[in-house]
Amino acid sequence: MEDVEIREGTIRLGQLLKLASLVEDGVEAADLIRGGLVKVNGDIEERRGRQLAAGDVVEVKGQQVRLVSRA
């Protein structure tokens, strides 16, 4: 599992997918989310705008990233 630092308190799921290099662009992110291929904390997430915070774990195609807050 890889840690991804976020500057602010929260980040949207679509933005995180791009930041963590799990997708190339927003279109790919939307397609994966619509297809049920993105999990947040173990549950399938269907909202691209879902707000994520430090401690959340996102999984795409078997790759996991955990959000950590930059201190």
N, C-alpha and C. Protein backbone atom coordinates (compact mmCIF):
# COMPACT_ATOMS: atom_id res chain seq x y z
N MET A 1 0.85 -1.18 0.00
CA MET A 1 0.00 0.00 0.00
C MET A 1 0.89 1.24 0.00
N GLU A 2 0.53 2.18 -0.83
CA GLU A 2 1.31 3.42 -0.95
C GLU A 2 0.58 4.56 -0.23
N ASP A 3 1.33 5.41 0.44
CA ASP A 3 0.75 6.59 1.09
C ASP A 3 0.77 7.76 0.11
N VAL A 4 -0.32 8.52 0.11
CA VAL A 4 -0.42 9.72 -0.73
C VAL A 4 -0.71 10.89 0.19
N GLU A 5 0.17 11.89 0.15
CA GLU A 5 0.00 13.07 1.01
C GLU A 5 -0.99 14.05 0.39
N ILE A 6 -1.87 14.59 1.25
CA ILE A 6 -2.77 15.65 0.80
C ILE A 6 -2.47 16.89 1.63
N ARG A 7 -2.57 18.05 0.99
CA ARG A 7 -2.25 19.32 1.65
C ARG A 7 -3.38 19.79 2.53
N GLU A 8 -4.59 19.68 2.02
CA GLU A 8 -5.75 20.20 2.74
C GLU A 8 -6.44 19.07 3.47
N GLY A 9 -7.50 19.39 4.18
CA GLY A 9 -8.20 18.39 4.98
C GLY A 9 -8.87 17.30 4.18
N THR A 10 -9.39 17.65 2.99
CA THR A 10 -10.07 16.66 2.17
C THR A 10 -9.68 16.81 0.70
N ILE A 11 -9.99 15.76 -0.06
CA ILE A 11 -9.76 15.77 -1.50
C ILE A 11 -10.87 14.94 -2.14
N ARG A 12 -11.28 15.32 -3.33
CA ARG A 12 -12.31 14.55 -4.02
C ARG A 12 -11.70 13.29 -4.62
N LEU A 13 -12.52 12.26 -4.71
CA LEU A 13 -12.06 10.96 -5.20
C LEU A 13 -11.43 11.08 -6.59
N GLY A 14 -12.08 11.77 -7.51
CA GLY A 14 -11.54 11.91 -8.86
C GLY A 14 -10.16 12.57 -8.86
N GLN A 15 -9.99 13.58 -8.01
CA GLN A 15 -8.70 14.26 -7.91
C GLN A 15 -7.64 13.33 -7.34
N LEU A 16 -8.01 12.55 -6.34
CA LEU A 16 -7.06 11.63 -5.74
C LEU A 16 -6.58 10.59 -6.74
N LEU A 17 -7.50 10.07 -7.53
CA LEU A 17 -7.12 9.05 -8.51
C LEU A 17 -6.06 9.58 -9.46
N LYS A 18 -6.19 10.85 -9.86
CA LYS A 18 -5.18 11.46 -10.73
C LYS A 18 -3.88 11.74 -9.97
N LEU A 19 -4.00 12.28 -8.77
CA LEU A 19 -2.82 12.60 -7.95
C LEU A 19 -1.98 11.35 -7.68
N ALA A 20 -2.64 10.23 -7.42
CA ALA A 20 -1.94 8.99 -7.10
C ALA A 20 -1.52 8.22 -8.35
N SER A 21 -1.76 8.80 -9.51
CA SER A 21 -1.42 8.18 -10.80
C SER A 21 -2.11 6.83 -11.01
N LEU A 22 -3.31 6.71 -10.47
CA LEU A 22 -4.10 5.50 -10.69
C LEU A 22 -4.88 5.59 -11.99
N VAL A 23 -5.05 6.82 -12.49
CA VAL A 23 -5.70 7.06 -13.78
C VAL A 23 -4.94 8.16 -14.51
N GLU A 24 -5.15 8.22 -15.83
CA GLU A 24 -4.51 9.25 -16.65
C GLU A 24 -5.25 10.58 -16.58
N ASP A 25 -6.60 10.50 -16.56
CA ASP A 25 -7.39 11.74 -16.61
C ASP A 25 -8.75 11.53 -15.96
N GLY A 26 -9.53 12.59 -15.94
CA GLY A 26 -10.85 12.55 -15.32
C GLY A 26 -11.82 11.62 -16.02
N VAL A 27 -11.68 11.48 -17.33
CA VAL A 27 -12.57 10.60 -18.08
C VAL A 27 -12.34 9.15 -17.64
N GLU A 28 -11.08 8.76 -17.52
CA GLU A 28 -10.77 7.40 -17.07
C GLU A 28 -11.27 7.18 -15.65
N ALA A 29 -11.10 8.18 -14.80
CA ALA A 29 -11.58 8.08 -13.42
C ALA A 29 -13.09 7.86 -13.40
N ALA A 30 -13.81 8.65 -14.17
CA ALA A 30 -15.27 8.52 -14.22
C ALA A 30 -15.68 7.14 -14.71
N ASP A 31 -15.00 6.63 -15.73
CA ASP A 31 -15.32 5.30 -16.28
C ASP A 31 -15.11 4.21 -15.23
N LEU A 32 -14.00 4.27 -14.51
CA LEU A 32 -13.71 3.26 -13.49
C LEU A 32 -14.73 3.32 -12.36
N ILE A 33 -15.07 4.53 -11.95
CA ILE A 33 -16.04 4.70 -10.87
C ILE A 33 -17.41 4.18 -11.29
N ARG A 34 -17.85 4.57 -12.49
CA ARG A 34 -19.14 4.08 -13.01
C ARG A 34 -19.17 2.57 -13.14
N GLY A 35 -18.02 1.99 -13.47
CA GLY A 35 -17.93 0.55 -13.64
C GLY A 35 -17.83 -0.23 -12.34
N GLY A 36 -17.83 0.47 -11.21
CA GLY A 36 -17.77 -0.20 -9.91
C GLY A 36 -16.40 -0.76 -9.58
N LEU A 37 -15.36 -0.19 -10.18
CA LEU A 37 -14.00 -0.70 -9.99
C LEU A 37 -13.19 0.07 -8.96
N VAL A 38 -13.84 1.02 -8.26
CA VAL A 38 -13.14 1.83 -7.27
C VAL A 38 -13.77 1.57 -5.90
N LYS A 39 -12.92 1.24 -4.93
CA LYS A 39 -13.39 1.03 -3.56
C LYS A 39 -12.78 2.07 -2.64
N VAL A 40 -13.59 2.52 -1.69
CA VAL A 40 -13.12 3.42 -0.64
C VAL A 40 -13.38 2.72 0.69
N ASN A 41 -12.32 2.50 1.42
CA ASN A 41 -12.42 1.80 2.71
C ASN A 41 -13.15 0.47 2.58
N GLY A 42 -12.90 -0.24 1.47
CA GLY A 42 -13.44 -1.56 1.26
C GLY A 42 -14.81 -1.63 0.60
N ASP A 43 -15.46 -0.48 0.40
CA ASP A 43 -16.79 -0.44 -0.21
C ASP A 43 -16.72 0.20 -1.59
N ILE A 44 -17.48 -0.35 -2.54
CA ILE A 44 -17.52 0.24 -3.88
C ILE A 44 -18.09 1.65 -3.79
N GLU A 45 -17.41 2.58 -4.44
CA GLU A 45 -17.83 3.99 -4.42
C GLU A 45 -18.25 4.41 -5.82
N GLU A 46 -19.41 5.02 -5.93
CA GLU A 46 -19.94 5.42 -7.23
C GLU A 46 -19.98 6.93 -7.42
N ARG A 47 -19.46 7.68 -6.46
CA ARG A 47 -19.48 9.14 -6.55
C ARG A 47 -18.08 9.68 -6.79
N ARG A 48 -17.87 10.27 -7.93
CA ARG A 48 -16.56 10.83 -8.27
C ARG A 48 -16.19 11.98 -7.34
N GLY A 49 -17.20 12.69 -6.83
CA GLY A 49 -16.97 13.84 -5.97
C GLY A 49 -16.89 13.50 -4.49
N ARG A 50 -16.87 12.23 -4.15
CA ARG A 50 -16.80 11.81 -2.75
C ARG A 50 -15.60 12.48 -2.08
N GLN A 51 -15.83 13.07 -0.92
CA GLN A 51 -14.76 13.72 -0.18
C GLN A 51 -13.99 12.68 0.63
N LEU A 52 -12.69 12.70 0.51
CA LEU A 52 -11.81 11.78 1.23
C LEU A 52 -10.94 12.56 2.19
N ALA A 53 -10.55 11.90 3.27
CA ALA A 53 -9.70 12.56 4.27
C ALA A 53 -8.58 11.60 4.67
N ALA A 54 -7.64 12.12 5.45
CA ALA A 54 -6.51 11.30 5.92
C ALA A 54 -7.04 10.04 6.59
N GLY A 55 -6.41 8.91 6.28
CA GLY A 55 -6.82 7.64 6.83
C GLY A 55 -7.66 6.80 5.88
N ASP A 56 -8.30 7.45 4.90
CA ASP A 56 -9.09 6.70 3.92
C ASP A 56 -8.18 5.88 3.02
N VAL A 57 -8.66 4.70 2.63
CA VAL A 57 -7.92 3.82 1.74
C VAL A 57 -8.74 3.64 0.46
N VAL A 58 -8.09 3.89 -0.68
CA VAL A 58 -8.75 3.77 -1.99
C VAL A 58 -8.08 2.64 -2.75
N GLU A 59 -8.90 1.81 -3.39
CA GLU A 59 -8.38 0.68 -4.16
C GLU A 59 -8.93 0.72 -5.58
N VAL A 60 -8.03 0.55 -6.54
CA VAL A 60 -8.38 0.49 -7.96
C VAL A 60 -7.59 -0.65 -8.58
N LYS A 61 -8.30 -1.62 -9.13
CA LYS A 61 -7.64 -2.75 -9.83
C LYS A 61 -6.55 -3.38 -8.97
N GLY A 62 -6.82 -3.57 -7.69
CA GLY A 62 -5.86 -4.23 -6.81
C GLY A 62 -4.78 -3.32 -6.23
N GLN A 63 -4.68 -2.10 -6.71
CA GLN A 63 -3.70 -1.15 -6.17
C GLN A 63 -4.37 -0.34 -5.07
N GLN A 64 -3.71 -0.23 -3.92
CA GLN A 64 -4.26 0.52 -2.81
C GLN A 64 -3.38 1.72 -2.46
N VAL A 65 -4.06 2.81 -2.12
CA VAL A 65 -3.36 3.99 -1.61
C VAL A 65 -4.09 4.46 -0.35
N ARG A 66 -3.30 4.97 0.59
CA ARG A 66 -3.85 5.50 1.84
C ARG A 66 -3.54 6.98 1.89
N LEU A 67 -4.54 7.77 2.25
CA LEU A 67 -4.34 9.21 2.37
C LEU A 67 -3.71 9.53 3.70
N VAL A 68 -2.68 10.38 3.65
CA VAL A 68 -2.05 10.89 4.86
C VAL A 68 -2.00 12.41 4.75
N SER A 69 -2.15 13.06 5.88
CA SER A 69 -2.13 14.52 5.92
C SER A 69 -0.71 15.02 6.06
N ARG A 70 -0.37 16.01 5.25
CA ARG A 70 0.95 16.64 5.39
C ARG A 70 0.93 17.49 6.65
N ALA A 71 1.84 17.23 7.54
CA ALA A 71 1.87 17.94 8.84
C ALA A 71 2.53 19.29 8.71
